Amino acid sequence: VGPIIFFSALNTFMLVPSVVKSATMSVDVKVEATYGHRTMNLYTAVQDYIENHNESSAQDFQKRLLDSEIPISLQDIRFPFASDELWETSATRQQMIAELIDPILHPDVTVKLRLS
């Protein structure tokens, strides 16, 4: 019974704000078709700014979001405009992805962006 209550979503008495100390963001494009898929990274970066907002700002935000007393932390996390990684994809690979996402050449293709 103990572990079920401890890890249950209904356990609100043990919730504490989880402050982000560092963050990484990655954006990938995934091209899927009946014959398989290809993935290519477009952006990867570590945050360049994190600001913790004061408790009253977090409480005001929480009241507008939902009517709950669960503690939250409110932070502003920003990432650089340019990727930390050089986009070192060969011209051949870039051309291959461009051809794969052409709806005339490949009408069965699905393009997905993954943000992580």
C-alpha atoms as a PDB file:
ATOM      1  CA  VAL A   1       0.000   0.000   0.000  1.00  0.00           C
ATOM      2  CA  GLY A   2       2.850   2.408   0.807  1.00  0.00           C
ATOM      3  CA  PRO A   3       4.497   2.525  -2.620  1.00  0.00           C
ATOM      4  CA  ILE A   4       1.138   2.837  -4.399  1.00  0.00           C
ATOM      5  CA  ILE A   5       0.214   5.905  -2.365  1.00  0.00           C
ATOM      6  CA  PHE A   6       3.735   7.341  -2.591  1.00  0.00           C
ATOM      7  CA  PHE A   7       3.837   7.190  -6.415  1.00  0.00           C
ATOM      8  CA  SER A   8       0.147   7.833  -7.031  1.00  0.00           C
ATOM      9  CA  ALA A   9      -1.047  10.898  -8.973  1.00  0.00           C
ATOM     10  CA  LEU A  10      -3.562  11.352  -6.159  1.00  0.00           C
ATOM     11  CA  ASN A  11      -0.719  11.990  -3.708  1.00  0.00           C
ATOM     12  CA  THR A  12      -0.739  15.798  -3.571  1.00  0.00           C
ATOM     13  CA  PHE A  13       0.587  16.252  -0.041  1.00  0.00           C
ATOM     14  CA  MET A  14       4.172  15.415  -1.088  1.00  0.00           C
ATOM     15  CA  LEU A  15       4.333  17.587  -4.212  1.00  0.00           C
ATOM     16  CA  VAL A  16       7.042  20.228  -4.286  1.00  0.00           C
ATOM     17  CA  PRO A  17       8.065  22.609  -7.063  1.00  0.00           C
ATOM     18  CA  SER A  18      10.730  21.216  -9.365  1.00  0.00           C
ATOM     19  CA  VAL A  19      13.191  23.954 -10.290  1.00  0.00           C
ATOM     20  CA  VAL A  20      15.054  23.640 -13.593  1.00  0.00           C
ATOM     21  CA  LYS A  21      18.792  24.187 -13.170  1.00  0.00           C
ATOM     22  CA  SER A  22      19.820  23.481 -16.769  1.00  0.00           C
ATOM     23  CA  ALA A  23      18.046  22.595 -20.003  1.00  0.00           C
ATOM     24  CA  THR A  24      18.793  21.301 -23.470  1.00  0.00           C
ATOM     25  CA  MET A  25      16.500  21.637 -26.463  1.00  0.00           C
ATOM     26  CA  SER A  26      16.687  19.628 -29.659  1.00  0.00           C
ATOM     27  CA  VAL A  27      14.601  19.854 -32.834  1.00  0.00           C
ATOM     28  CA  ASP A  28      14.620  16.972 -35.303  1.00  0.00           C
ATOM     29  CA  VAL A  29      12.765  16.439 -38.551  1.00  0.00           C
ATOM     30  CA  LYS A  30      11.552  12.903 -39.219  1.00  0.00           C
ATOM     31  CA  VAL A  31      10.360  11.855 -42.656  1.00  0.00           C
ATOM     32  CA  GLU A  32       8.197   8.711 -42.654  1.00  0.00           C
ATOM     33  CA  ALA A  33       6.997   6.719 -45.643  1.00  0.00           C
ATOM     34  CA  THR A  34       5.847   3.189 -46.379  1.00  0.00           C
ATOM     35  CA  TYR A  35       9.430   2.153 -47.136  1.00  0.00           C
ATOM     36  CA  GLY A  36      10.958   3.475 -43.884  1.00  0.00           C
ATOM     37  CA  HIS A  37      12.015   6.729 -42.256  1.00  0.00           C
ATOM     38  CA  ARG A  38      14.887   9.217 -42.064  1.00  0.00           C
ATOM     39  CA  THR A  39      15.682  11.610 -39.203  1.00  0.00           C
ATOM     40  CA  MET A  40      17.833  14.730 -39.286  1.00  0.00           C
ATOM     41  CA  ASN A  41      18.727  17.096 -36.416  1.00  0.00           C
ATOM     42  CA  LEU A  42      18.003  20.768 -37.149  1.00  0.00           C
ATOM     43  CA  TYR A  43      18.788  22.419 -33.810  1.00  0.00           C
ATOM     44  CA  THR A  44      20.488  21.522 -30.527  1.00  0.00           C
ATOM     45  CA  ALA A  45      21.316  24.025 -27.798  1.00  0.00           C
ATOM     46  CA  VAL A  46      21.796  24.465 -24.062  1.00  0.00           C
ATOM     47  CA  GLN A  47      19.819  27.251 -22.381  1.00  0.00           C
ATOM     48  CA  ASP A  48      21.470  30.637 -22.239  1.00  0.00           C
ATOM     49  CA  TYR A  49      19.147  32.135 -19.607  1.00  0.00           C
ATOM     50  CA  ILE A  50      17.090  30.890 -16.663  1.00  0.00           C
ATOM     51  CA  GLU A  51      15.204  33.217 -14.338  1.00  0.00           C
ATOM     52  CA  ASN A  52      13.178  32.131 -11.330  1.00  0.00           C
ATOM     53  CA  HIS A  53      10.077  34.250 -10.814  1.00  0.00           C
ATOM     54  CA  ASN A  54       9.062  35.197  -7.311  1.00  0.00           C
ATOM     55  CA  GLU A  55       6.493  33.217  -5.364  1.00  0.00           C
ATOM     56  CA  SER A  56       3.671  35.755  -5.800  1.00  0.00           C
ATOM     57  CA  SER A  57       4.088  35.658  -9.606  1.00  0.00           C
ATOM     58  CA  ALA A  58       3.890  31.872  -9.521  1.00  0.00           C
ATOM     59  CA  GLN A  59       0.778  31.983  -7.335  1.00  0.00           C
ATOM     60  CA  ASP A  60      -0.911  34.522  -9.659  1.00  0.00           C
ATOM     61  CA  PHE A  61      -0.076  32.345 -12.674  1.00  0.00           C
ATOM     62  CA  GLN A  62      -1.379  29.244 -10.900  1.00  0.00           C
ATOM     63  CA  LYS A  63      -4.693  30.945 -10.026  1.00  0.00           C
ATOM     64  CA  ARG A  64      -5.212  31.899 -13.684  1.00  0.00           C
ATOM     65  CA  LEU A  65      -4.268  28.411 -14.867  1.00  0.00           C
ATOM     66  CA  LEU A  66      -6.271  26.319 -12.442  1.00  0.00           C
ATOM     67  CA  ASP A  67      -7.885  26.544  -9.062  1.00  0.00           C
ATOM     68  CA  SER A  68      -5.466  24.406  -7.067  1.00  0.00           C
ATOM     69  CA  GLU A  69      -3.164  24.711  -4.093  1.00  0.00           C
ATOM     70  CA  ILE A  70      -0.457  22.436  -5.550  1.00  0.00           C
ATOM     71  CA  PRO A  71       2.839  24.359  -5.317  1.00  0.00           C
ATOM     72  CA  ILE A  72       4.479  25.320  -8.603  1.00  0.00           C
ATOM     73  CA  SER A  73       7.664  27.056  -9.667  1.00  0.00           C
ATOM     74  CA  LEU A  74       7.564  29.592 -12.480  1.00  0.00           C
ATOM     75  CA  GLN A  75      10.687  30.083 -14.575  1.00  0.00           C
ATOM     76  CA  ASP A  76      11.665  31.844 -17.776  1.00  0.00           C
ATOM     77  CA  ILE A  77      14.007  29.581 -19.776  1.00  0.00           C
ATOM     78  CA  ARG A  78      15.504  30.906 -23.010  1.00  0.00           C
ATOM     79  CA  PHE A  79      17.582  29.280 -25.704  1.00  0.00           C
ATOM     80  CA  PRO A  80      19.933  30.880 -28.240  1.00  0.00           C
ATOM     81  CA  PHE A  81      18.656  31.603 -31.734  1.00  0.00           C
ATOM     82  CA  ALA A  82      21.482  29.634 -33.371  1.00  0.00           C
ATOM     83  CA  SER A  83      22.174  25.967 -32.706  1.00  0.00           C
ATOM     84  CA  ASP A  84      25.147  24.974 -30.548  1.00  0.00           C
ATOM     85  CA  GLU A  85      25.922  22.295 -33.109  1.00  0.00           C
ATOM     86  CA  LEU A  86      27.003  23.172 -36.603  1.00  0.00           C
ATOM     87  CA  TRP A  87      24.513  21.858 -39.115  1.00  0.00           C
ATOM     88  CA  GLU A  88      27.044  19.535 -40.693  1.00  0.00           C
ATOM     89  CA  THR A  89      24.656  17.616 -42.875  1.00  0.00           C
ATOM     90  CA  SER A  90      26.127  16.906 -46.275  1.00  0.00           C
ATOM     91  CA  ALA A  91      24.623  18.501 -49.357  1.00  0.00           C
ATOM     92  CA  THR A  92      23.705  15.001 -50.552  1.00  0.00           C
ATOM     93  CA  ARG A  93      21.738  14.293 -47.356  1.00  0.00           C
ATOM     94  CA  GLN A  94      20.045  17.687 -47.502  1.00  0.00           C
ATOM     95  CA  GLN A  95      19.023  16.982 -51.099  1.00  0.00           C
ATOM     96  CA  MET A  96      17.743  13.525 -50.129  1.00  0.00           C
ATOM     97  CA  ILE A  97      15.546  14.967 -47.346  1.00  0.00           C
ATOM     98  CA  ALA A  98      14.301  17.718 -49.681  1.00  0.00           C
ATOM     99  CA  GLU A  99      13.316  15.111 -52.268  1.00  0.00           C
ATOM    100  CA  LEU A 100      11.674  12.896 -49.632  1.00  0.00           C
ATOM    101  CA  ILE A 101       9.374  15.702 -48.461  1.00  0.00           C
ATOM    102  CA  ASP A 102       8.324  16.654 -51.995  1.00  0.00           C
ATOM    103  CA  PRO A 103       4.606  15.734 -52.123  1.00  0.00           C
ATOM    104  CA  ILE A 104       4.697  15.281 -55.903  1.00  0.00           C
ATOM    105  CA  LEU A 105       7.544  12.758 -55.791  1.00  0.00           C
ATOM    106  CA  HIS A 106       6.392  11.049 -52.571  1.00  0.00           C
ATOM    107  CA  PRO A 107       2.692  11.617 -51.825  1.00  0.00           C
ATOM    108  CA  ASP A 108       2.675   9.042 -48.984  1.00  0.00           C
ATOM    109  CA  VAL A 109       5.313  10.845 -46.902  1.00  0.00           C
ATOM    110  CA  THR A 110       4.614  12.245 -43.432  1.00  0.00           C
ATOM    111  CA  VAL A 111       6.940  14.916 -42.009  1.00  0.00           C
ATOM    112  CA  LYS A 112       7.149  15.278 -38.227  1.00  0.00           C
ATOM    113  CA  LEU A 113       9.073  17.785 -36.139  1.00  0.00           C
ATOM    114  CA  ARG A 114      10.176  16.509 -32.744  1.00  0.00           C
ATOM    115  CA  LEU A 115      10.968  18.989 -30.017  1.00  0.00           C
ATOM    116  CA  SER A 116      12.741  17.527 -27.012  1.00  0.00           C
END
